[in-house]
Structure formats: structure tokens, C-alpha cells
């Protein structure tokens, strides 16, 4: 049987649940899908999401490397930028960047992890209008 990949969910290391909630829930607009602790007082492992954006956040040592980056394609990057600019989040005032692959918005969470949201431009699309695809291995 050939592998059939369904979804990729990045894991980001966090060190403070309140700061993670302030960033991912209050600022970015995600919701908590579920939380897991082996017992009270143990590190948190949780899933947050907003639409098709799904992230795992972990306080567990060794689950992820702080300072990682996830690249996410979306439509409406300018609307997301305007939404975030309208929030009173004192730690981040991101701008939009335009390059050969599209328009991007990069957010850095309180733990140094980066979320790079990119809306592909015309130059990044195949001539038939279908999304660009690639293979590995």
C-alpha cells in the first residue's frame, strides 16, 4: 500500500501557557481543540487551530526546538494583517513583505517560533492557475 499523507501538524515548544494563550488565542484568533497533561502540574501538550491552520504546542522538553518556523499558504494575507494590526498586542507589529513567491506576514511568538503566512503571487502559480506542487524523495 502506498502512503497517503493527510495532514501535517507542526509542534512548537512553549514555556508559559498564559503567554501562549495570549499570543495564539487572543492575538492570532485560534481556539483550543484539546489539552493533555499526564497529571496535574505536568507539562501541557495542546492543539490550537483556526480554520485549516492546526498547531500543537508543547511544554515538554525535547518535543520541539525553540525558534522553529512554519510556512503556511493562505488567501487573505492582507485581511489577516489588518485584523492583527487592529488588536492591542504590544509585543508585535508585523508588516507585509512582497517578493517573487508572494505576499507574506511573519509572526514571532513569545518563544521565538515563527509563523510565516504567505499568499502566493501570480509568479508563484503555474500557468494553468493550479497551485504549485512539489515532491520529495
C-alpha atoms as a PDB file:
ATOM      1  CA  UNK A   1       0.000   0.000   0.000  1.00  0.00           C
ATOM      2  CA  UNK A   2       1.294   3.457  -0.922  1.00  0.00           C
ATOM      3  CA  UNK A   3       1.424   6.025   1.920  1.00  0.00           C
ATOM      4  CA  UNK A   4      -1.333   8.628   1.711  1.00  0.00           C
ATOM      5  CA  UNK A   5      -0.426  11.699   3.762  1.00  0.00           C
ATOM      6  CA  UNK A   6      -3.447  13.526   5.173  1.00  0.00           C
ATOM      7  CA  UNK A   7      -2.190  16.491   7.196  1.00  0.00           C
ATOM      8  CA  UNK A   8       0.992  17.923   8.658  1.00  0.00           C
ATOM      9  CA  UNK A   9       0.771  19.457  12.129  1.00  0.00           C
ATOM     10  CA  UNK A  10       3.849  21.314  13.356  1.00  0.00           C
ATOM     11  CA  UNK A  11       4.793  21.210  17.041  1.00  0.00           C
ATOM     12  CA  UNK A  12       6.063  24.391  18.691  1.00  0.00           C
ATOM     13  CA  UNK A  13       7.818  24.441  22.057  1.00  0.00           C
ATOM     14  CA  UNK A  14       6.264  26.799  24.596  1.00  0.00           C
ATOM     15  CA  UNK A  15       7.452  27.747  28.085  1.00  0.00           C
ATOM     16  CA  UNK A  16       4.481  29.657  29.554  1.00  0.00           C
ATOM     17  CA  UNK A  17       0.846  28.654  28.983  1.00  0.00           C
ATOM     18  CA  UNK A  18      -0.541  32.128  29.778  1.00  0.00           C
ATOM     19  CA  UNK A  19       1.824  33.761  27.240  1.00  0.00           C
ATOM     20  CA  UNK A  20       0.995  31.069  24.667  1.00  0.00           C
ATOM     21  CA  UNK A  21      -2.733  31.682  25.148  1.00  0.00           C
ATOM     22  CA  UNK A  22      -2.258  35.448  24.891  1.00  0.00           C
ATOM     23  CA  UNK A  23      -0.474  35.021  21.550  1.00  0.00           C
ATOM     24  CA  UNK A  24      -2.240  32.057  19.911  1.00  0.00           C
ATOM     25  CA  UNK A  25      -5.782  32.598  21.230  1.00  0.00           C
ATOM     26  CA  UNK A  26      -6.170  36.315  21.909  1.00  0.00           C
ATOM     27  CA  UNK A  27      -3.887  37.707  19.187  1.00  0.00           C
ATOM     28  CA  UNK A  28      -3.896  35.110  16.391  1.00  0.00           C
ATOM     29  CA  UNK A  29      -7.511  34.057  16.970  1.00  0.00           C
ATOM     30  CA  UNK A  30      -7.030  30.318  17.412  1.00  0.00           C
ATOM     31  CA  UNK A  31      -9.165  28.159  19.667  1.00  0.00           C
ATOM     32  CA  UNK A  32      -8.074  25.316  21.938  1.00  0.00           C
ATOM     33  CA  UNK A  33      -9.187  21.994  20.453  1.00  0.00           C
ATOM     34  CA  UNK A  34      -7.879  19.859  23.293  1.00  0.00           C
ATOM     35  CA  UNK A  35      -5.308  19.824  26.112  1.00  0.00           C
ATOM     36  CA  UNK A  36      -3.380  16.949  27.654  1.00  0.00           C
ATOM     37  CA  UNK A  37      -1.331  16.603  30.826  1.00  0.00           C
ATOM     38  CA  UNK A  38      -0.222  13.259  32.210  1.00  0.00           C
ATOM     39  CA  UNK A  39      -1.350  14.533  35.618  1.00  0.00           C
ATOM     40  CA  UNK A  40      -1.967  17.925  37.251  1.00  0.00           C
ATOM     41  CA  UNK A  41       1.145  20.070  37.361  1.00  0.00           C
ATOM     42  CA  UNK A  42       2.816  18.217  34.485  1.00  0.00           C
ATOM     43  CA  UNK A  43       3.743  19.924  31.180  1.00  0.00           C
ATOM     44  CA  UNK A  44       0.954  20.806  28.772  1.00  0.00           C
ATOM     45  CA  UNK A  45       0.531  19.381  25.270  1.00  0.00           C
ATOM     46  CA  UNK A  46      -2.300  21.055  23.363  1.00  0.00           C
ATOM     47  CA  UNK A  47      -3.782  21.590  19.934  1.00  0.00           C
ATOM     48  CA  UNK A  48      -4.909  25.024  18.756  1.00  0.00           C
ATOM     49  CA  UNK A  49      -6.498  25.823  15.432  1.00  0.00           C
ATOM     50  CA  UNK A  50      -8.044  28.471  13.264  1.00  0.00           C
ATOM     51  CA  UNK A  51      -9.737  27.071  10.184  1.00  0.00           C
ATOM     52  CA  UNK A  52      -7.267  24.731   8.479  1.00  0.00           C
ATOM     53  CA  UNK A  53      -4.321  26.105  10.494  1.00  0.00           C
ATOM     54  CA  UNK A  54      -3.617  23.444  13.140  1.00  0.00           C
ATOM     55  CA  UNK A  55      -0.704  23.664  15.584  1.00  0.00           C
ATOM     56  CA  UNK A  56       0.464  21.579  18.516  1.00  0.00           C
ATOM     57  CA  UNK A  57       2.030  23.470  21.416  1.00  0.00           C
ATOM     58  CA  UNK A  58       4.152  21.610  23.921  1.00  0.00           C
ATOM     59  CA  UNK A  59       5.813  22.394  27.240  1.00  0.00           C
ATOM     60  CA  UNK A  60       7.566  19.006  27.110  1.00  0.00           C
ATOM     61  CA  UNK A  61      11.356  19.135  26.924  1.00  0.00           C
ATOM     62  CA  UNK A  62      12.561  17.605  23.673  1.00  0.00           C
ATOM     63  CA  UNK A  63       9.279  17.832  21.750  1.00  0.00           C
ATOM     64  CA  UNK A  64      10.447  20.700  19.565  1.00  0.00           C
ATOM     65  CA  UNK A  65      13.279  23.148  19.116  1.00  0.00           C
ATOM     66  CA  UNK A  66      12.513  26.717  20.201  1.00  0.00           C
ATOM     67  CA  UNK A  67      12.906  29.176  17.328  1.00  0.00           C
ATOM     68  CA  UNK A  68      11.398  26.971  14.619  1.00  0.00           C
ATOM     69  CA  UNK A  69       9.498  28.306  11.594  1.00  0.00           C
ATOM     70  CA  UNK A  70       6.340  27.023   9.939  1.00  0.00           C
ATOM     71  CA  UNK A  71       5.395  28.166   6.423  1.00  0.00           C
ATOM     72  CA  UNK A  72       1.651  28.336   5.715  1.00  0.00           C
ATOM     73  CA  UNK A  73      -0.053  29.277   2.455  1.00  0.00           C
ATOM     74  CA  UNK A  74      -3.340  31.131   2.654  1.00  0.00           C
ATOM     75  CA  UNK A  75      -5.576  33.544   0.827  1.00  0.00           C
ATOM     76  CA  UNK A  76      -6.384  36.844   2.508  1.00  0.00           C
ATOM     77  CA  UNK A  77      -2.998  37.693   3.995  1.00  0.00           C
ATOM     78  CA  UNK A  78      -3.805  41.417   3.783  1.00  0.00           C
ATOM     79  CA  UNK A  79      -7.054  40.865   5.701  1.00  0.00           C
ATOM     80  CA  UNK A  80      -5.173  38.884   8.365  1.00  0.00           C
ATOM     81  CA  UNK A  81      -2.600  41.679   8.614  1.00  0.00           C
ATOM     82  CA  UNK A  82      -5.365  44.289   9.041  1.00  0.00           C
ATOM     83  CA  UNK A  83      -7.112  42.139  11.670  1.00  0.00           C
ATOM     84  CA  UNK A  84      -3.914  41.715  13.693  1.00  0.00           C
ATOM     85  CA  UNK A  85      -2.967  45.397  13.347  1.00  0.00           C
ATOM     86  CA  UNK A  86      -6.323  46.264  14.908  1.00  0.00           C
ATOM     87  CA  UNK A  87      -5.567  44.278  18.064  1.00  0.00           C
ATOM     88  CA  UNK A  88      -3.862  45.719  21.096  1.00  0.00           C
ATOM     89  CA  UNK A  89      -0.957  43.249  21.227  1.00  0.00           C
ATOM     90  CA  UNK A  90       2.037  45.257  22.476  1.00  0.00           C
ATOM     91  CA  UNK A  91       4.772  42.736  21.590  1.00  0.00           C
ATOM     92  CA  UNK A  92       4.445  42.576  17.806  1.00  0.00           C
ATOM     93  CA  UNK A  93       3.698  44.963  14.948  1.00  0.00           C
ATOM     94  CA  UNK A  94       4.378  42.868  11.828  1.00  0.00           C
ATOM     95  CA  UNK A  95       4.467  44.254   8.327  1.00  0.00           C
ATOM     96  CA  UNK A  96       3.781  42.691   4.957  1.00  0.00           C
ATOM     97  CA  UNK A  97       6.601  41.621   2.674  1.00  0.00           C
ATOM     98  CA  UNK A  98       6.364  41.188  -1.094  1.00  0.00           C
ATOM     99  CA  UNK A  99       8.771  39.003  -3.057  1.00  0.00           C
ATOM    100  CA  UNK A 100       8.830  36.606  -6.003  1.00  0.00           C
ATOM    101  CA  UNK A 101       6.774  33.961  -4.177  1.00  0.00           C
ATOM    102  CA  UNK A 102       4.003  36.266  -2.968  1.00  0.00           C
ATOM    103  CA  UNK A 103       2.974  38.458  -0.072  1.00  0.00           C
ATOM    104  CA  UNK A 104       3.955  37.263   3.379  1.00  0.00           C
ATOM    105  CA  UNK A 105       3.325  38.110   7.000  1.00  0.00           C
ATOM    106  CA  UNK A 106       5.722  36.714   9.599  1.00  0.00           C
ATOM    107  CA  UNK A 107       4.727  36.474  13.249  1.00  0.00           C
ATOM    108  CA  UNK A 108       7.109  35.576  16.059  1.00  0.00           C
ATOM    109  CA  UNK A 109       5.545  34.031  19.147  1.00  0.00           C
ATOM    110  CA  UNK A 110       6.822  34.762  22.691  1.00  0.00           C
ATOM    111  CA  UNK A 111       9.132  31.724  22.487  1.00  0.00           C
ATOM    112  CA  UNK A 112      10.929  32.649  19.255  1.00  0.00           C
ATOM    113  CA  UNK A 113       8.883  30.413  16.964  1.00  0.00           C
ATOM    114  CA  UNK A 114       7.931  31.984  13.639  1.00  0.00           C
ATOM    115  CA  UNK A 115       4.725  31.568  11.656  1.00  0.00           C
ATOM    116  CA  UNK A 116       5.231  32.663   8.056  1.00  0.00           C
ATOM    117  CA  UNK A 117       1.895  33.199   6.301  1.00  0.00           C
ATOM    118  CA  UNK A 118       2.265  33.519   2.538  1.00  0.00           C
ATOM    119  CA  UNK A 119      -0.260  34.317  -0.152  1.00  0.00           C
ATOM    120  CA  UNK A 120       1.326  33.149  -3.406  1.00  0.00           C
ATOM    121  CA  UNK A 121       1.515  35.741  -6.164  1.00  0.00           C
ATOM    122  CA  UNK A 122       0.969  35.227  -9.868  1.00  0.00           C
ATOM    123  CA  UNK A 123       4.674  34.442 -10.354  1.00  0.00           C
ATOM    124  CA  UNK A 124       4.395  31.547  -7.877  1.00  0.00           C
ATOM    125  CA  UNK A 125       1.469  29.904  -9.689  1.00  0.00           C
ATOM    126  CA  UNK A 126       1.737  27.529 -12.664  1.00  0.00           C
ATOM    127  CA  UNK A 127       0.437  28.968 -15.929  1.00  0.00           C
ATOM    128  CA  UNK A 128      -2.770  26.892 -15.710  1.00  0.00           C
ATOM    129  CA  UNK A 129      -3.706  28.639 -12.426  1.00  0.00           C
ATOM    130  CA  UNK A 130      -3.373  25.479 -10.324  1.00  0.00           C
ATOM    131  CA  UNK A 131      -1.360  25.724  -7.102  1.00  0.00           C
ATOM    132  CA  UNK A 132       2.313  24.908  -7.395  1.00  0.00           C
ATOM    133  CA  UNK A 133       3.173  21.405  -6.199  1.00  0.00           C
ATOM    134  CA  UNK A 134       6.351  19.608  -5.396  1.00  0.00           C
ATOM    135  CA  UNK A 135       7.612  16.208  -4.383  1.00  0.00           C
ATOM    136  CA  UNK A 136      10.246  14.950  -2.031  1.00  0.00           C
ATOM    137  CA  UNK A 137      12.212  11.777  -2.040  1.00  0.00           C
END
